[in-house]
Amino acid sequence: MIAMILAAGRGERMMPLTKNTPKSLIKVKDLALIEHSISALKKSNIIDIVINIAYLGEQIKTHLGDGSNFGVHITYSDESSGALETAGGIIKALPILGNKPFIVINSDVLCDFDLSKLTLPVGSLAHLVLINNPAHNPNGDFSLVNNHQITNIHGQSYTFSGIGIYHPDLFKSHLGIEQKLPLYPLLKEAIANGQLSGEHYDGYWQDVGTPERLELANNS
C-alpha cells in the first residue's frame, strides 16, 4: 500500500505562524504535524509515502529528506508553480501512486484511527473516514446509509476527517489536465453513482487548521 500526505496548502488560517513556515512543519507536542502523519502511516506498516509540496516546500524536503531518518521512503510531488487543491494534487501524483488503491491523509489532522484497517470495498471508488461534527463544522459534510454508503446530508450528518482510500479511477475523467481541482465535485459524482462508501469513527481526531486549534492539540 502507498499513501499520500497532502502538504501543499498555504495555511492562510494559521497566519502569522505560517508566514515563514509551512503549516505541516508547525509543531504539536515537539513533533512537526507531518511527522505525526508519517508516524501514523509507519505504525500501519505503510512506508511508501508521496508528499505534495508547494508553499515553502523546500523546507519540507529539507526537514524530511528521503524519509530514511523516519523509517519510510518519501517521494515528492512538486506543485511549486501553483498548488492544485486536493484532487488536482492527487491527479498530478498519480504516476507515482500507481494503479491500485492508495491512502490520502491531510497533514494538518491528528487522529488515532488505525490506517492498517482502511480498505476499499468492492464497487467503491473512494472510502472516507467520517467523524462527529466539530464545532467549526456543525452541519457536517455527508450522511451514512446502510452502514457504509455515503450520501449527501440526509438525517444524521458527519464530517469528513481528511482520511480516505481512493481508487485511481475516481480521477480518470480529469487525467492529463494539470489544473486546480477540489475533491468534493468528484466525491459528489461518486455519490450519484453509488460508488462512495465510508465509516464513522468516534476516536481521537483534531483538525489543526487555526492557532486556536493548534493550542487545543498541544493541550489535549
N, C-alpha and C. Protein backbone atom coordinates (compact mmCIF):
# COMPACT_ATOMS: atom_id res chain seq x y z
N MET A 1 0.85 -1.20 0.00
CA MET A 1 0.00 0.00 0.00
C MET A 1 0.88 1.25 0.00
N ILE A 2 0.48 2.24 -0.77
CA ILE A 2 1.17 3.52 -0.81
C ILE A 2 0.21 4.59 -0.28
N ALA A 3 0.76 5.64 0.28
CA ALA A 3 -0.07 6.71 0.84
C ALA A 3 0.44 8.06 0.39
N MET A 4 -0.46 9.02 0.37
CA MET A 4 -0.11 10.40 0.04
C MET A 4 -0.48 11.31 1.21
N ILE A 5 0.43 12.17 1.58
CA ILE A 5 0.16 13.19 2.59
C ILE A 5 0.02 14.53 1.89
N LEU A 6 -1.08 15.20 2.12
CA LEU A 6 -1.34 16.50 1.48
C LEU A 6 -0.68 17.60 2.30
N ALA A 7 0.30 18.28 1.69
CA ALA A 7 1.06 19.29 2.43
C ALA A 7 1.37 20.52 1.58
N ALA A 8 0.54 20.76 0.55
CA ALA A 8 0.85 21.85 -0.37
C ALA A 8 0.13 23.16 -0.04
N GLY A 9 -0.75 23.15 0.95
CA GLY A 9 -1.53 24.35 1.25
C GLY A 9 -0.71 25.48 1.86
N ARG A 10 -1.23 26.68 1.75
CA ARG A 10 -0.54 27.85 2.29
C ARG A 10 -0.78 28.04 3.78
N GLY A 11 -1.82 27.45 4.30
CA GLY A 11 -2.10 27.60 5.73
C GLY A 11 -2.51 29.02 6.08
N GLU A 12 -3.37 29.61 5.25
CA GLU A 12 -3.79 31.00 5.46
C GLU A 12 -4.42 31.22 6.83
N ARG A 13 -5.22 30.26 7.28
CA ARG A 13 -5.92 30.43 8.56
C ARG A 13 -4.98 30.31 9.75
N MET A 14 -3.77 29.83 9.49
CA MET A 14 -2.80 29.67 10.55
C MET A 14 -1.86 30.87 10.66
N MET A 15 -2.04 31.85 9.79
CA MET A 15 -1.20 33.04 9.86
C MET A 15 -1.35 33.71 11.24
N PRO A 16 -0.29 34.35 11.79
CA PRO A 16 1.01 34.60 11.16
C PRO A 16 2.03 33.47 11.33
N LEU A 17 1.61 32.33 11.92
CA LEU A 17 2.55 31.26 12.20
C LEU A 17 3.11 30.64 10.92
N THR A 18 2.36 30.76 9.83
CA THR A 18 2.80 30.16 8.57
C THR A 18 3.43 31.18 7.61
N LYS A 19 3.75 32.34 8.11
CA LYS A 19 4.36 33.35 7.24
C LYS A 19 5.69 32.87 6.70
N ASN A 20 6.48 32.23 7.55
CA ASN A 20 7.80 31.75 7.13
C ASN A 20 8.00 30.25 7.33
N THR A 21 6.93 29.58 7.74
CA THR A 21 7.00 28.14 7.99
C THR A 21 5.79 27.46 7.37
N PRO A 22 5.99 26.40 6.58
CA PRO A 22 4.82 25.68 6.06
C PRO A 22 4.03 25.06 7.20
N LYS A 23 2.71 25.02 7.05
CA LYS A 23 1.86 24.54 8.15
C LYS A 23 2.25 23.15 8.61
N SER A 24 2.66 22.29 7.68
CA SER A 24 2.95 20.91 8.06
C SER A 24 4.19 20.78 8.94
N LEU A 25 4.99 21.86 9.04
CA LEU A 25 6.16 21.82 9.91
C LEU A 25 5.93 22.49 11.26
N ILE A 26 4.73 23.03 11.47
CA ILE A 26 4.39 23.56 12.78
C ILE A 26 4.32 22.41 13.78
N LYS A 27 4.86 22.63 14.95
CA LYS A 27 4.99 21.53 15.90
C LYS A 27 3.78 21.39 16.83
N VAL A 28 3.43 20.15 17.06
CA VAL A 28 2.45 19.77 18.08
C VAL A 28 3.15 18.78 18.99
N LYS A 29 3.30 19.17 20.25
CA LYS A 29 3.98 18.32 21.23
C LYS A 29 5.37 17.88 20.73
N ASP A 30 6.13 18.87 20.27
CA ASP A 30 7.53 18.70 19.90
C ASP A 30 7.76 17.94 18.60
N LEU A 31 6.69 17.61 17.88
CA LEU A 31 6.84 16.98 16.58
C LEU A 31 6.11 17.80 15.54
N ALA A 32 6.72 17.96 14.35
CA ALA A 32 6.03 18.64 13.26
C ALA A 32 4.76 17.88 12.91
N LEU A 33 3.73 18.61 12.50
CA LEU A 33 2.46 17.98 12.14
C LEU A 33 2.66 16.82 11.18
N ILE A 34 3.49 17.04 10.17
CA ILE A 34 3.66 16.00 9.15
C ILE A 34 4.37 14.77 9.72
N GLU A 35 5.16 14.96 10.77
CA GLU A 35 5.81 13.82 11.40
C GLU A 35 4.77 12.94 12.10
N HIS A 36 3.73 13.55 12.64
CA HIS A 36 2.64 12.77 13.23
C HIS A 36 1.98 11.90 12.15
N SER A 37 1.79 12.48 10.96
CA SER A 37 1.19 11.73 9.85
C SER A 37 2.09 10.57 9.43
N ILE A 38 3.37 10.85 9.31
CA ILE A 38 4.33 9.81 8.92
C ILE A 38 4.34 8.70 9.96
N SER A 39 4.33 9.07 11.23
CA SER A 39 4.34 8.08 12.30
C SER A 39 3.10 7.19 12.25
N ALA A 40 1.94 7.79 11.98
CA ALA A 40 0.70 7.02 11.91
C ALA A 40 0.76 6.02 10.76
N LEU A 41 1.32 6.43 9.63
CA LEU A 41 1.44 5.53 8.49
C LEU A 41 2.42 4.41 8.78
N LYS A 42 3.55 4.76 9.37
CA LYS A 42 4.55 3.74 9.67
C LYS A 42 4.02 2.70 10.65
N LYS A 43 3.26 3.15 11.65
CA LYS A 43 2.66 2.21 12.60
C LYS A 43 1.74 1.21 11.91
N SER A 44 1.21 1.61 10.77
CA SER A 44 0.33 0.74 10.00
C SER A 44 1.09 0.00 8.90
N ASN A 45 2.43 0.02 8.98
CA ASN A 45 3.30 -0.65 8.01
C ASN A 45 3.15 -0.10 6.60
N ILE A 46 2.82 1.18 6.52
CA ILE A 46 2.78 1.87 5.23
C ILE A 46 4.00 2.78 5.18
N ILE A 47 4.99 2.39 4.39
CA ILE A 47 6.26 3.12 4.41
C ILE A 47 6.58 3.80 3.08
N ASP A 48 5.78 3.56 2.04
CA ASP A 48 5.95 4.27 0.78
C ASP A 48 5.00 5.46 0.77
N ILE A 49 5.56 6.66 0.80
CA ILE A 49 4.76 7.86 1.01
C ILE A 49 5.08 8.90 -0.05
N VAL A 50 4.03 9.49 -0.60
CA VAL A 50 4.14 10.62 -1.52
C VAL A 50 3.67 11.86 -0.78
N ILE A 51 4.43 12.93 -0.87
CA ILE A 51 4.04 14.19 -0.25
C ILE A 51 4.00 15.27 -1.31
N ASN A 52 2.86 15.95 -1.44
CA ASN A 52 2.83 17.08 -2.38
C ASN A 52 3.24 18.35 -1.65
N ILE A 53 4.01 19.16 -2.33
CA ILE A 53 4.55 20.38 -1.72
C ILE A 53 4.36 21.55 -2.67
N ALA A 54 4.20 22.72 -2.10
CA ALA A 54 4.11 23.95 -2.89
C ALA A 54 4.69 25.09 -2.06
N TYR A 55 3.85 25.72 -1.24
CA TYR A 55 4.26 26.86 -0.43
C TYR A 55 5.38 26.46 0.54
N LEU A 56 6.54 27.12 0.40
CA LEU A 56 7.70 26.85 1.25
C LEU A 56 8.06 25.36 1.26
N GLY A 57 7.82 24.71 0.13
CA GLY A 57 8.00 23.27 0.04
C GLY A 57 9.42 22.80 0.26
N GLU A 58 10.40 23.63 -0.08
CA GLU A 58 11.79 23.22 0.10
C GLU A 58 12.11 22.99 1.57
N GLN A 59 11.42 23.71 2.45
CA GLN A 59 11.63 23.47 3.88
C GLN A 59 11.19 22.07 4.28
N ILE A 60 10.09 21.62 3.68
CA ILE A 60 9.59 20.27 3.97
C ILE A 60 10.58 19.23 3.48
N LYS A 61 11.10 19.42 2.26
CA LYS A 61 12.07 18.47 1.71
C LYS A 61 13.34 18.43 2.55
N THR A 62 13.79 19.60 2.99
CA THR A 62 15.00 19.67 3.81
C THR A 62 14.78 18.96 5.15
N HIS A 63 13.61 19.16 5.72
CA HIS A 63 13.31 18.58 7.04
C HIS A 63 13.17 17.06 6.98
N LEU A 64 12.51 16.56 5.93
CA LEU A 64 12.20 15.13 5.87
C LEU A 64 13.17 14.33 5.02
N GLY A 65 13.79 14.97 4.05
CA GLY A 65 14.69 14.26 3.15
C GLY A 65 13.97 13.13 2.43
N ASP A 66 14.67 12.01 2.26
CA ASP A 66 14.07 10.87 1.57
C ASP A 66 13.26 9.98 2.51
N GLY A 67 13.15 10.40 3.76
CA GLY A 67 12.36 9.66 4.74
C GLY A 67 13.12 8.60 5.51
N SER A 68 14.38 8.36 5.13
CA SER A 68 15.13 7.28 5.76
C SER A 68 15.32 7.49 7.26
N ASN A 69 15.41 8.75 7.69
CA ASN A 69 15.55 9.02 9.13
C ASN A 69 14.28 8.68 9.91
N PHE A 70 13.18 8.51 9.19
CA PHE A 70 11.89 8.20 9.83
C PHE A 70 11.47 6.76 9.56
N GLY A 71 12.32 6.01 8.86
CA GLY A 71 12.00 4.62 8.56
C GLY A 71 10.99 4.44 7.44
N VAL A 72 10.89 5.46 6.57
CA VAL A 72 9.96 5.38 5.43
C VAL A 72 10.69 5.82 4.17
N HIS A 73 10.00 5.68 3.04
CA HIS A 73 10.53 6.17 1.77
C HIS A 73 9.61 7.25 1.23
N ILE A 74 10.15 8.45 1.05
CA ILE A 74 9.33 9.60 0.63
C ILE A 74 9.67 10.01 -0.79
N THR A 75 8.63 10.22 -1.58
CA THR A 75 8.75 10.83 -2.91
C THR A 75 7.92 12.10 -2.90
N TYR A 76 8.43 13.14 -3.54
CA TYR A 76 7.73 14.43 -3.52
C TYR A 76 7.05 14.70 -4.86
N SER A 77 5.86 15.28 -4.77
CA SER A 77 5.14 15.76 -5.95
C SER A 77 5.14 17.28 -5.86
N ASP A 78 5.87 17.92 -6.75
CA ASP A 78 6.15 19.35 -6.65
C ASP A 78 5.07 20.18 -7.34
N GLU A 79 4.39 21.01 -6.56
CA GLU A 79 3.38 21.93 -7.10
C GLU A 79 3.82 23.38 -6.90
N SER A 80 5.12 23.61 -6.93
CA SER A 80 5.64 24.95 -6.65
C SER A 80 5.20 26.00 -7.66
N SER A 81 4.76 25.56 -8.83
CA SER A 81 4.26 26.52 -9.82
C SER A 81 2.85 26.97 -9.50
N GLY A 82 2.23 26.35 -8.51
CA GLY A 82 0.88 26.72 -8.07
C GLY A 82 0.16 25.53 -7.49
N ALA A 83 -0.23 25.59 -6.22
CA ALA A 83 -0.92 24.47 -5.57
C ALA A 83 -2.19 24.13 -6.33
N LEU A 84 -2.48 22.84 -6.47
CA LEU A 84 -3.54 22.36 -7.35
C LEU A 84 -4.81 21.93 -6.62
N GLU A 85 -4.91 22.22 -5.32
CA GLU A 85 -6.01 21.75 -4.47
C GLU A 85 -5.97 20.23 -4.36
N THR A 86 -6.92 19.66 -3.64
CA THR A 86 -6.80 18.25 -3.27
C THR A 86 -6.83 17.31 -4.47
N ALA A 87 -7.90 17.34 -5.26
CA ALA A 87 -7.99 16.41 -6.39
C ALA A 87 -6.91 16.70 -7.43
N GLY A 88 -6.64 17.98 -7.70
CA GLY A 88 -5.61 18.34 -8.66
C GLY A 88 -4.25 17.83 -8.23
N GLY A 89 -3.97 17.93 -6.93
CA GLY A 89 -2.70 17.44 -6.41
C GLY A 89 -2.59 15.93 -6.50
N ILE A 90 -3.68 15.24 -6.22
CA ILE A 90 -3.68 13.78 -6.33
C ILE A 90 -3.47 13.35 -7.78
N ILE A 91 -4.16 14.02 -8.70
CA ILE A 91 -4.02 13.67 -10.11
C ILE A 91 -2.58 13.86 -10.58
N LYS A 92 -1.95 14.94 -10.17
CA LYS A 92 -0.55 15.17 -10.55
C LYS A 92 0.35 14.06 -10.02
N ALA A 93 0.01 13.53 -8.85
CA ALA A 93 0.84 12.49 -8.23
C ALA A 93 0.49 11.07 -8.68
N LEU A 94 -0.54 10.88 -9.48
CA LEU A 94 -0.97 9.54 -9.86
C LEU A 94 0.12 8.69 -10.51
N PRO A 95 1.01 9.28 -11.34
CA PRO A 95 2.08 8.44 -11.89
C PRO A 95 2.96 7.80 -10.82
N ILE A 96 3.07 8.44 -9.67
CA ILE A 96 3.84 7.88 -8.55
C ILE A 96 2.97 6.92 -7.75
N LEU A 97 1.70 7.28 -7.57
CA LEU A 97 0.81 6.49 -6.72
C LEU A 97 0.45 5.15 -7.34
N GLY A 98 0.47 5.06 -8.66
CA GLY A 98 0.22 3.80 -9.33
C GLY A 98 -1.24 3.55 -9.66
N ASN A 99 -1.54 2.30 -9.99
CA ASN A 99 -2.88 1.96 -10.48
C ASN A 99 -3.71 1.15 -9.49
N LYS A 100 -3.26 1.10 -8.24
CA LYS A 100 -4.01 0.40 -7.20
C LYS A 100 -4.52 1.40 -6.17
N PRO A 101 -5.47 1.02 -5.32
CA PRO A 101 -5.97 1.94 -4.30
C PRO A 101 -4.85 2.46 -3.40
N PHE A 102 -4.99 3.71 -3.00
CA PHE A 102 -3.99 4.36 -2.16
C PHE A 102 -4.68 5.20 -1.10
N ILE A 103 -3.97 5.40 0.01
CA ILE A 103 -4.50 6.20 1.12
C ILE A 103 -4.07 7.64 0.94
N VAL A 104 -4.93 8.57 1.32
CA VAL A 104 -4.60 10.00 1.34
C VAL A 104 -5.00 10.55 2.70
N ILE A 105 -4.08 11.29 3.32
CA ILE A 105 -4.38 11.93 4.60
C ILE A 105 -3.94 13.38 4.58
N ASN A 106 -4.65 14.22 5.29
CA ASN A 106 -4.27 15.62 5.42
C ASN A 106 -3.14 15.76 6.44
N SER A 107 -2.18 16.60 6.14
CA SER A 107 -1.05 16.76 7.06
C SER A 107 -1.41 17.59 8.29
N ASP A 108 -2.57 18.24 8.29
CA ASP A 108 -2.95 19.08 9.43
C ASP A 108 -4.02 18.43 10.31
N VAL A 109 -4.11 17.10 10.23
CA VAL A 109 -5.09 16.37 11.03
C VAL A 109 -4.36 15.38 11.94
N LEU A 110 -4.74 15.37 13.21
CA LEU A 110 -4.24 14.38 14.16
C LEU A 110 -5.37 13.40 14.45
N CYS A 111 -5.09 12.12 14.35
CA CYS A 111 -6.14 11.12 14.54
C CYS A 111 -5.50 9.79 14.89
N ASP A 112 -6.13 9.03 15.80
CA ASP A 112 -5.59 7.73 16.18
C ASP A 112 -6.30 6.58 15.47
N PHE A 113 -6.95 6.87 14.36
CA PHE A 113 -7.58 5.82 13.54
C PHE A 113 -6.50 4.87 13.03
N ASP A 114 -6.79 3.57 13.08
CA ASP A 114 -5.84 2.55 12.62
C ASP A 114 -5.87 2.47 11.10
N LEU A 115 -4.87 3.07 10.46
CA LEU A 115 -4.85 3.15 9.00
C LEU A 115 -4.68 1.78 8.34
N SER A 116 -4.17 0.80 9.08
CA SER A 116 -3.99 -0.53 8.50
C SER A 116 -5.33 -1.21 8.21
N LYS A 117 -6.40 -0.70 8.82
CA LYS A 117 -7.73 -1.28 8.61
C LYS A 117 -8.50 -0.60 7.47
N LEU A 118 -7.86 0.38 6.83
CA LEU A 118 -8.54 1.14 5.77
C LEU A 118 -8.51 0.35 4.47
N THR A 119 -9.67 -0.07 4.02
CA THR A 119 -9.77 -0.83 2.77
C THR A 119 -10.87 -0.24 1.90
N LEU A 120 -10.78 -0.55 0.62
CA LEU A 120 -11.75 -0.04 -0.34
C LEU A 120 -12.75 -1.15 -0.66
N PRO A 121 -14.01 -0.98 -0.27
CA PRO A 121 -15.00 -2.02 -0.54
C PRO A 121 -15.22 -2.22 -2.04
N VAL A 122 -15.62 -3.42 -2.40
CA VAL A 122 -15.94 -3.71 -3.80
C VAL A 122 -17.03 -2.77 -4.28
N GLY A 123 -16.82 -2.17 -5.44
CA GLY A 123 -17.80 -1.26 -6.01
C GLY A 123 -17.61 0.19 -5.65
N SER A 124 -16.72 0.48 -4.70
CA SER A 124 -16.46 1.87 -4.29
C SER A 124 -15.21 2.40 -4.98
N LEU A 125 -15.26 3.67 -5.34
CA LEU A 125 -14.08 4.35 -5.87
C LEU A 125 -13.36 5.13 -4.79
N ALA A 126 -14.04 5.35 -3.67
CA ALA A 126 -13.41 6.02 -2.53
C ALA A 126 -14.14 5.59 -1.26
N HIS A 127 -13.38 5.54 -0.17
CA HIS A 127 -13.94 5.18 1.13
C HIS A 127 -13.38 6.17 2.14
N LEU A 128 -14.26 6.92 2.80
CA LEU A 128 -13.86 8.01 3.67
C LEU A 128 -14.10 7.69 5.14
N VAL A 129 -13.22 8.19 5.99
CA VAL A 129 -13.42 8.12 7.43
C VAL A 129 -14.17 9.37 7.86
N LEU A 130 -15.31 9.19 8.47
CA LEU A 130 -16.15 10.30 8.92
C LEU A 130 -16.13 10.37 10.44
N ILE A 131 -16.18 11.60 10.95
CA ILE A 131 -16.15 11.79 12.40
C ILE A 131 -17.33 12.66 12.84
N ASN A 132 -17.57 12.70 14.14
CA ASN A 132 -18.62 13.57 14.67
C ASN A 132 -18.31 15.01 14.32
N ASN A 133 -19.33 15.79 14.07
CA ASN A 133 -19.13 17.17 13.62
C ASN A 133 -18.44 18.01 14.69
N PRO A 134 -17.29 18.61 14.35
CA PRO A 134 -16.63 19.51 15.30
C PRO A 134 -17.33 20.85 15.35
N ALA A 135 -16.95 21.67 16.29
CA ALA A 135 -17.60 22.96 16.48
C ALA A 135 -17.48 23.84 15.24
N HIS A 136 -16.38 23.72 14.48
CA HIS A 136 -16.20 24.58 13.33
C HIS A 136 -16.92 24.06 12.08
N ASN A 137 -17.56 22.90 12.16
CA ASN A 137 -18.33 22.37 11.02
C ASN A 137 -19.59 21.68 11.54
N PRO A 138 -20.47 22.45 12.19
CA PRO A 138 -21.61 21.83 12.89
C PRO A 138 -22.61 21.14 11.99
N ASN A 139 -22.67 21.53 10.72
CA ASN A 139 -23.67 20.95 9.82
C ASN A 139 -23.17 19.71 9.10
N GLY A 140 -21.88 19.42 9.24
CA GLY A 140 -21.34 18.20 8.65
C GLY A 140 -21.16 18.28 7.15
N ASP A 141 -20.72 17.16 6.58
CA ASP A 141 -20.46 17.06 5.14
C ASP A 141 -21.29 15.99 4.45
N PHE A 142 -21.47 14.85 5.11
CA PHE A 142 -22.12 13.70 4.49
C PHE A 142 -22.97 12.95 5.52
N SER A 143 -23.77 12.03 5.00
CA SER A 143 -24.50 11.09 5.84
C SER A 143 -24.12 9.67 5.43
N LEU A 144 -24.41 8.72 6.32
CA LEU A 144 -24.18 7.31 6.04
C LEU A 144 -25.52 6.58 6.03
N VAL A 145 -25.73 5.75 5.02
CA VAL A 145 -26.92 4.91 4.96
C VAL A 145 -26.47 3.46 4.72
N ASN A 146 -27.29 2.53 5.17
CA ASN A 146 -26.97 1.10 5.00
C ASN A 146 -25.57 0.77 5.52
N ASN A 147 -25.22 1.41 6.62
CA ASN A 147 -23.97 1.18 7.34
C ASN A 147 -22.72 1.79 6.70
N HIS A 148 -22.63 1.78 5.37
CA HIS A 148 -21.38 2.23 4.78
C HIS A 148 -21.54 3.12 3.55
N GLN A 149 -22.75 3.28 3.02
CA GLN A 149 -22.91 4.08 1.81
C GLN A 149 -23.00 5.56 2.19
N ILE A 150 -22.18 6.39 1.52
CA ILE A 150 -22.20 7.82 1.80
C ILE A 150 -23.19 8.51 0.87
N THR A 151 -23.97 9.42 1.43
CA THR A 151 -24.90 10.24 0.66
C THR A 151 -24.69 11.70 1.02
N ASN A 152 -25.29 12.57 0.22
CA ASN A 152 -25.36 13.96 0.64
C ASN A 152 -26.21 14.01 1.90
N ILE A 153 -26.04 15.04 2.67
CA ILE A 153 -26.62 15.08 4.02
C ILE A 153 -28.12 14.79 4.01
N HIS A 154 -28.47 13.75 4.76
CA HIS A 154 -29.87 13.37 4.91
C HIS A 154 -30.00 12.71 6.27
N GLY A 155 -30.54 13.44 7.22
CA GLY A 155 -30.61 12.92 8.57
C GLY A 155 -29.31 13.18 9.32
N GLN A 156 -28.80 12.17 10.00
CA GLN A 156 -27.56 12.30 10.78
C GLN A 156 -26.39 12.66 9.87
N SER A 157 -25.70 13.75 10.22
CA SER A 157 -24.57 14.19 9.39
C SER A 157 -23.25 13.95 10.12
N TYR A 158 -22.20 13.79 9.30
CA TYR A 158 -20.85 13.61 9.82
C TYR A 158 -19.89 14.48 9.01
N THR A 159 -18.70 14.67 9.56
CA THR A 159 -17.68 15.47 8.91
C THR A 159 -16.58 14.57 8.34
N PHE A 160 -16.13 14.88 7.14
CA PHE A 160 -15.02 14.15 6.54
C PHE A 160 -13.75 14.45 7.32
N SER A 161 -13.08 13.40 7.76
CA SER A 161 -11.92 13.55 8.64
C SER A 161 -10.65 14.00 7.93
N GLY A 162 -10.62 13.92 6.59
CA GLY A 162 -9.38 14.16 5.86
C GLY A 162 -8.58 12.89 5.68
N ILE A 163 -9.19 11.74 6.00
CA ILE A 163 -8.55 10.44 5.84
C ILE A 163 -9.42 9.59 4.92
N GLY A 164 -8.82 9.01 3.90
CA GLY A 164 -9.59 8.17 2.99
C GLY A 164 -8.70 7.28 2.14
N ILE A 165 -9.33 6.34 1.46
CA ILE A 165 -8.64 5.49 0.49
C ILE A 165 -9.36 5.63 -0.85
N TYR A 166 -8.59 5.72 -1.92
CA TYR A 166 -9.13 6.07 -3.23
C TYR A 166 -8.63 5.11 -4.30
N HIS A 167 -9.48 4.86 -5.27
CA HIS A 167 -9.06 4.13 -6.47
C HIS A 167 -8.70 5.16 -7.54
N PRO A 168 -7.65 4.93 -8.30
CA PRO A 168 -7.28 5.90 -9.34
C PRO A 168 -8.40 6.22 -10.32
N ASP A 169 -9.34 5.28 -10.51
CA ASP A 169 -10.43 5.51 -11.45
C ASP A 169 -11.33 6.67 -11.04
N LEU A 170 -11.31 7.05 -9.77
CA LEU A 170 -12.11 8.20 -9.33
C LEU A 170 -11.70 9.45 -10.10
N PHE A 171 -10.45 9.51 -10.53
CA PHE A 171 -9.89 10.72 -11.14
C PHE A 171 -9.72 10.60 -12.66
N LYS A 172 -10.17 9.49 -13.25
CA LYS A 172 -9.82 9.22 -14.65
C LYS A 172 -10.39 10.23 -15.64
N SER A 173 -11.51 10.84 -15.31
CA SER A 173 -12.10 11.80 -16.26
C SER A 173 -11.32 13.11 -16.31
N HIS A 174 -10.36 13.28 -15.42
CA HIS A 174 -9.57 14.52 -15.39
C HIS A 174 -8.09 14.28 -15.66
N LEU A 175 -7.73 13.07 -16.07
CA LEU A 175 -6.33 12.76 -16.31
C LEU A 175 -5.78 13.59 -17.47
N GLY A 176 -4.51 13.95 -17.35
CA GLY A 176 -3.85 14.69 -18.42
C GLY A 176 -4.06 16.19 -18.36
N ILE A 177 -4.83 16.64 -17.36
CA ILE A 177 -5.09 18.07 -17.23
C ILE A 177 -4.55 18.53 -15.88
N GLU A 178 -3.50 19.34 -15.91
CA GLU A 178 -2.94 19.85 -14.66
C GLU A 178 -3.63 21.17 -14.34
N GLN A 179 -4.52 21.12 -13.37
CA GLN A 179 -5.30 22.30 -13.02
C GLN A 179 -5.74 22.20 -11.56
N LYS A 180 -6.12 23.35 -11.01
CA LYS A 180 -6.69 23.34 -9.67
C LYS A 180 -8.02 22.61 -9.71
N LEU A 181 -8.16 21.67 -8.80
CA LEU A 181 -9.39 20.89 -8.79
C LEU A 181 -9.68 20.41 -7.36
N PRO A 182 -10.77 20.88 -6.78
CA PRO A 182 -11.14 20.41 -5.43
C PRO A 182 -11.65 18.98 -5.49
N LEU A 183 -11.69 18.33 -4.37
CA LEU A 183 -12.10 16.93 -4.30
C LEU A 183 -13.61 16.75 -4.31
N TYR A 184 -14.33 17.70 -3.71
CA TYR A 184 -15.76 17.48 -3.49
C TYR A 184 -16.55 17.18 -4.76
N PRO A 185 -16.32 17.87 -5.90
CA PRO A 185 -17.11 17.54 -7.10
C PRO A 185 -16.94 16.09 -7.54
N LEU A 186 -15.75 15.52 -7.35
CA LEU A 186 -15.54 14.13 -7.72
C LEU A 186 -16.25 13.19 -6.74
N LEU A 187 -16.27 13.57 -5.47
CA LEU A 187 -16.99 12.78 -4.48
C LEU A 187 -18.50 12.84 -4.73
N LYS A 188 -18.97 14.01 -5.11
CA LYS A 188 -20.40 14.19 -5.42
C LYS A 188 -20.80 13.29 -6.59
N GLU A 189 -19.93 13.21 -7.59
CA GLU A 189 -20.21 12.34 -8.74
C GLU A 189 -20.22 10.87 -8.30
N ALA A 190 -19.30 10.51 -7.42
CA ALA A 190 -19.26 9.13 -6.92
C ALA A 190 -20.51 8.80 -6.12
N ILE A 191 -21.00 9.78 -5.35
CA ILE A 191 -22.25 9.58 -4.60
C ILE A 191 -23.39 9.28 -5.56
N ALA A 192 -23.48 10.07 -6.62
CA ALA A 192 -24.56 9.90 -7.61
C ALA A 192 -24.52 8.52 -8.26
N ASN A 193 -23.31 7.95 -8.36
CA ASN A 193 -23.15 6.64 -8.99
C ASN A 193 -23.10 5.51 -7.97
N GLY A 194 -23.35 5.83 -6.69
CA GLY A 194 -23.33 4.82 -5.65
C GLY A 194 -21.96 4.21 -5.43
N GLN A 195 -20.91 5.01 -5.65
CA GLN A 195 -19.54 4.50 -5.57
C GLN A 195 -18.70 5.16 -4.47
N LEU A 196 -19.37 5.79 -3.50
CA LEU A 196 -18.66 6.40 -2.38
C LEU A 196 -19.12 5.74 -1.09
N SER A 197 -18.20 5.16 -0.37
CA SER A 197 -18.52 4.50 0.90
C SER A 197 -17.75 5.16 2.03
N GLY A 198 -18.07 4.79 3.25
CA GLY A 198 -17.40 5.40 4.38
C GLY A 198 -17.71 4.67 5.67
N GLU A 199 -17.08 5.13 6.73
CA GLU A 199 -17.32 4.57 8.05
C GLU A 199 -17.21 5.69 9.08
N HIS A 200 -17.93 5.53 10.17
CA HIS A 200 -17.91 6.52 11.24
C HIS A 200 -16.87 6.12 12.27
N TYR A 201 -16.04 7.08 12.67
CA TYR A 201 -15.03 6.84 13.69
C TYR A 201 -15.23 7.85 14.81
N ASP A 202 -15.30 7.36 16.05
CA ASP A 202 -15.56 8.27 17.17
C ASP A 202 -14.38 8.36 18.13
N GLY A 203 -13.18 8.01 17.66
CA GLY A 203 -11.99 8.15 18.47
C GLY A 203 -11.39 9.54 18.39
N TYR A 204 -10.14 9.66 18.79
CA TYR A 204 -9.49 10.97 18.82
C TYR A 204 -9.28 11.52 17.42
N TRP A 205 -9.65 12.77 17.22
CA TRP A 205 -9.44 13.48 15.95
C TRP A 205 -9.35 14.97 16.26
N GLN A 206 -8.38 15.62 15.65
CA GLN A 206 -8.24 17.07 15.84
C GLN A 206 -7.71 17.69 14.56
N ASP A 207 -8.47 18.61 14.02
CA ASP A 207 -8.00 19.42 12.90
C ASP A 207 -7.16 20.55 13.46
N VAL A 208 -5.96 20.73 12.90
CA VAL A 208 -5.06 21.78 13.38
C VAL A 208 -4.96 22.85 12.29
N GLY A 209 -6.07 23.54 12.08
CA GLY A 209 -6.13 24.49 10.98
C GLY A 209 -6.02 25.95 11.37
N THR A 210 -6.08 26.23 12.67
CA THR A 210 -6.01 27.61 13.15
C THR A 210 -5.13 27.65 14.39
N PRO A 211 -4.63 28.82 14.78
CA PRO A 211 -3.84 28.91 16.02
C PRO A 211 -4.62 28.41 17.23
N GLU A 212 -5.93 28.64 17.26
CA GLU A 212 -6.74 28.19 18.39
C GLU A 212 -6.78 26.66 18.47
N ARG A 213 -6.92 26.01 17.31
CA ARG A 213 -6.96 24.54 17.29
C ARG A 213 -5.57 23.96 17.54
N LEU A 214 -4.54 24.70 17.16
CA LEU A 214 -3.19 24.27 17.49
C LEU A 214 -3.00 24.24 19.00
N GLU A 215 -3.51 25.25 19.67
CA GLU A 215 -3.42 25.30 21.13
C GLU A 215 -4.18 24.13 21.74
N LEU A 216 -5.35 23.82 21.18
CA LEU A 216 -6.13 22.68 21.68
C LEU A 216 -5.35 21.38 21.53
N ALA A 217 -4.70 21.21 20.38
CA ALA A 217 -3.94 19.99 20.12
C ALA A 217 -2.77 19.86 21.08
N ASN A 218 -2.12 20.97 21.37
CA ASN A 218 -0.98 20.93 22.27
C ASN A 218 -1.38 20.69 23.72
N ASN A 219 -2.63 21.00 24.04
CA ASN A 219 -3.09 20.84 25.42
C ASN A 219 -3.94 19.60 25.65
N SER A 220 -4.13 18.85 24.58
CA SER A 220 -5.00 17.65 24.70
C SER A 220 -4.23 16.47 25.27
